[in-house]
Amino acid sequence: MSHPEGPESTESLALCLELVQALAQQLDLQLPPESVAAVGQNWLMLAALAGPLLTWELPPSLDPAPRFEP
């Protein structure tokens, strides 16, 4: 999978790395420094993949799924 290059992707990655480090600290997660960049890149990839799903409008004609009760 190719990753976009340029100032926007560099800024996005920098912000994502800050977020990953802050969340790891908040969760008391011992994330090795050499893994932070990979976690940040995976986060950005998942956000790019999930973005279209989160913005897709469901048609009003759809009925909600029935509630599952065991």
N, C-alpha and C. Protein backbone atom coordinates (compact mmCIF):
# COMPACT_ATOMS: atom_id res chain seq x y z
N MET A 1 0.85 -1.17 0.00
CA MET A 1 0.00 0.00 0.00
C MET A 1 0.89 1.23 0.00
N SER A 2 0.60 2.18 -0.87
CA SER A 2 1.41 3.39 -0.92
C SER A 2 0.87 4.41 0.06
N HIS A 3 1.78 5.21 0.58
CA HIS A 3 1.42 6.25 1.53
C HIS A 3 1.68 7.59 0.88
N PRO A 4 0.75 8.55 1.05
CA PRO A 4 0.97 9.87 0.45
C PRO A 4 2.17 10.56 1.09
N GLU A 5 2.90 11.26 0.27
CA GLU A 5 4.06 12.01 0.76
C GLU A 5 3.73 13.49 0.66
N GLY A 6 4.33 14.28 1.52
CA GLY A 6 4.14 15.72 1.44
C GLY A 6 3.95 16.29 2.82
N PRO A 7 3.83 17.63 2.88
CA PRO A 7 3.74 18.29 4.18
C PRO A 7 2.50 17.90 4.97
N GLU A 8 1.37 17.66 4.28
CA GLU A 8 0.16 17.30 5.01
C GLU A 8 0.31 15.95 5.70
N SER A 9 0.88 14.99 5.00
CA SER A 9 1.04 13.68 5.62
C SER A 9 2.07 13.72 6.75
N THR A 10 3.09 14.57 6.60
CA THR A 10 4.10 14.71 7.66
C THR A 10 3.47 15.34 8.90
N GLU A 11 2.64 16.38 8.68
CA GLU A 11 1.96 17.02 9.81
C GLU A 11 0.98 16.06 10.46
N SER A 12 0.24 15.32 9.66
CA SER A 12 -0.72 14.35 10.20
C SER A 12 -0.01 13.29 11.03
N LEU A 13 1.12 12.81 10.52
CA LEU A 13 1.86 11.78 11.25
C LEU A 13 2.41 12.35 12.55
N ALA A 14 2.92 13.58 12.52
CA ALA A 14 3.46 14.19 13.74
C ALA A 14 2.37 14.34 14.80
N LEU A 15 1.19 14.79 14.39
CA LEU A 15 0.08 14.92 15.34
C LEU A 15 -0.36 13.56 15.86
N CYS A 16 -0.37 12.58 14.98
CA CYS A 16 -0.77 11.23 15.36
C CYS A 16 0.22 10.64 16.35
N LEU A 17 1.51 10.88 16.14
CA LEU A 17 2.53 10.36 17.06
C LEU A 17 2.37 10.98 18.44
N GLU A 18 2.05 12.27 18.48
CA GLU A 18 1.81 12.92 19.78
C GLU A 18 0.61 12.29 20.46
N LEU A 19 -0.45 12.02 19.69
CA LEU A 19 -1.65 11.41 20.24
C LEU A 19 -1.36 10.00 20.75
N VAL A 20 -0.63 9.22 19.98
CA VAL A 20 -0.28 7.85 20.39
C VAL A 20 0.50 7.87 21.70
N GLN A 21 1.47 8.76 21.80
CA GLN A 21 2.27 8.84 23.03
C GLN A 21 1.43 9.29 24.21
N ALA A 22 0.54 10.26 23.99
CA ALA A 22 -0.32 10.74 25.08
C ALA A 22 -1.28 9.65 25.54
N LEU A 23 -1.88 8.94 24.59
CA LEU A 23 -2.81 7.86 24.96
C LEU A 23 -2.09 6.72 25.66
N ALA A 24 -0.90 6.37 25.21
CA ALA A 24 -0.13 5.31 25.86
C ALA A 24 0.18 5.70 27.30
N GLN A 25 0.55 6.96 27.50
CA GLN A 25 0.85 7.43 28.86
C GLN A 25 -0.41 7.41 29.73
N GLN A 26 -1.53 7.86 29.15
CA GLN A 26 -2.78 7.89 29.91
C GLN A 26 -3.24 6.49 30.29
N LEU A 27 -2.99 5.53 29.43
CA LEU A 27 -3.39 4.14 29.69
C LEU A 27 -2.33 3.36 30.45
N ASP A 28 -1.23 4.02 30.79
CA ASP A 28 -0.09 3.39 31.45
C ASP A 28 0.40 2.19 30.62
N LEU A 29 0.45 2.41 29.31
CA LEU A 29 0.89 1.39 28.36
C LEU A 29 2.37 1.61 28.06
N GLN A 30 3.18 0.61 28.29
CA GLN A 30 4.61 0.70 28.04
C GLN A 30 4.87 0.43 26.56
N LEU A 31 4.83 1.48 25.76
CA LEU A 31 5.03 1.37 24.32
C LEU A 31 6.48 1.70 24.00
N PRO A 32 7.25 0.73 23.48
CA PRO A 32 8.66 1.00 23.17
C PRO A 32 8.77 2.14 22.16
N PRO A 33 9.74 3.04 22.36
CA PRO A 33 9.89 4.18 21.46
C PRO A 33 10.02 3.78 19.98
N GLU A 34 10.63 2.64 19.71
CA GLU A 34 10.78 2.22 18.32
C GLU A 34 9.46 1.74 17.70
N SER A 35 8.43 1.55 18.52
CA SER A 35 7.13 1.10 18.01
C SER A 35 6.15 2.25 17.79
N VAL A 36 6.45 3.41 18.34
CA VAL A 36 5.51 4.54 18.27
C VAL A 36 5.22 4.93 16.82
N ALA A 37 6.23 4.99 15.97
CA ALA A 37 6.03 5.39 14.57
C ALA A 37 5.13 4.39 13.84
N ALA A 38 5.34 3.10 14.07
CA ALA A 38 4.52 2.08 13.41
C ALA A 38 3.07 2.16 13.88
N VAL A 39 2.86 2.39 15.17
CA VAL A 39 1.51 2.53 15.70
C VAL A 39 0.84 3.75 15.07
N GLY A 40 1.57 4.85 14.98
CA GLY A 40 1.03 6.06 14.36
C GLY A 40 0.67 5.86 12.91
N GLN A 41 1.51 5.18 12.16
CA GLN A 41 1.22 4.92 10.74
C GLN A 41 0.01 4.00 10.60
N ASN A 42 -0.10 3.00 11.46
CA ASN A 42 -1.27 2.12 11.42
C ASN A 42 -2.54 2.88 11.76
N TRP A 43 -2.45 3.79 12.73
CA TRP A 43 -3.60 4.61 13.12
C TRP A 43 -4.08 5.43 11.92
N LEU A 44 -3.14 6.09 11.23
CA LEU A 44 -3.50 6.89 10.06
C LEU A 44 -4.10 6.04 8.95
N MET A 45 -3.56 4.84 8.74
CA MET A 45 -4.08 3.96 7.71
C MET A 45 -5.52 3.53 8.05
N LEU A 46 -5.75 3.17 9.30
CA LEU A 46 -7.10 2.78 9.71
C LEU A 46 -8.08 3.94 9.60
N ALA A 47 -7.63 5.15 9.94
CA ALA A 47 -8.49 6.33 9.81
C ALA A 47 -8.85 6.57 8.35
N ALA A 48 -7.89 6.38 7.45
CA ALA A 48 -8.15 6.57 6.03
C ALA A 48 -9.13 5.52 5.50
N LEU A 49 -9.02 4.30 6.00
CA LEU A 49 -9.93 3.24 5.57
C LEU A 49 -11.32 3.41 6.15
N ALA A 50 -11.41 3.86 7.39
CA ALA A 50 -12.70 3.99 8.07
C ALA A 50 -13.42 5.27 7.68
N GLY A 51 -12.70 6.28 7.22
CA GLY A 51 -13.30 7.57 6.89
C GLY A 51 -14.51 7.47 5.98
N PRO A 52 -14.41 6.80 4.83
CA PRO A 52 -15.58 6.70 3.95
C PRO A 52 -16.77 5.98 4.60
N LEU A 53 -16.50 5.00 5.45
CA LEU A 53 -17.60 4.31 6.12
C LEU A 53 -18.32 5.22 7.11
N LEU A 54 -17.55 6.06 7.79
CA LEU A 54 -18.14 6.95 8.79
C LEU A 54 -18.93 8.08 8.17
N THR A 55 -18.64 8.44 6.92
CA THR A 55 -19.35 9.54 6.28
C THR A 55 -20.46 9.06 5.36
N TRP A 56 -20.59 7.75 5.17
CA TRP A 56 -21.60 7.21 4.27
C TRP A 56 -22.98 7.35 4.90
N GLU A 57 -23.89 7.96 4.16
CA GLU A 57 -25.25 8.16 4.65
C GLU A 57 -26.10 6.92 4.35
N LEU A 58 -26.76 6.43 5.37
CA LEU A 58 -27.69 5.32 5.17
C LEU A 58 -29.00 5.86 4.62
N PRO A 59 -29.61 5.14 3.68
CA PRO A 59 -30.90 5.60 3.17
C PRO A 59 -31.96 5.54 4.27
N PRO A 60 -32.87 6.51 4.30
CA PRO A 60 -33.90 6.52 5.35
C PRO A 60 -34.85 5.32 5.27
N SER A 61 -34.87 4.63 4.13
CA SER A 61 -35.78 3.49 3.99
C SER A 61 -35.30 2.25 4.74
N LEU A 62 -34.08 2.26 5.24
CA LEU A 62 -33.56 1.10 5.97
C LEU A 62 -34.16 1.01 7.36
N ASP A 63 -34.52 -0.20 7.75
CA ASP A 63 -35.02 -0.43 9.11
C ASP A 63 -33.86 -0.84 10.00
N PRO A 64 -33.88 -0.43 11.26
CA PRO A 64 -32.81 -0.86 12.16
C PRO A 64 -32.90 -2.37 12.41
N ALA A 65 -31.77 -2.96 12.71
CA ALA A 65 -31.74 -4.38 13.01
C ALA A 65 -32.48 -4.63 14.32
N PRO A 66 -33.12 -5.79 14.46
CA PRO A 66 -33.79 -6.08 15.72
C PRO A 66 -32.77 -6.19 16.86
N ARG A 67 -33.22 -5.89 18.03
CA ARG A 67 -32.33 -5.94 19.19
C ARG A 67 -32.14 -7.40 19.62
N PHE A 68 -30.89 -7.77 19.85
CA PHE A 68 -30.58 -9.13 20.29
C PHE A 68 -30.70 -9.19 21.80
N GLU A 69 -31.48 -10.13 22.28
CA GLU A 69 -31.59 -10.35 23.72
C GLU A 69 -31.42 -11.84 23.97
N PRO A 70 -30.35 -12.22 24.67
CA PRO A 70 -30.10 -13.65 24.90
C PRO A 70 -31.13 -14.27 25.83
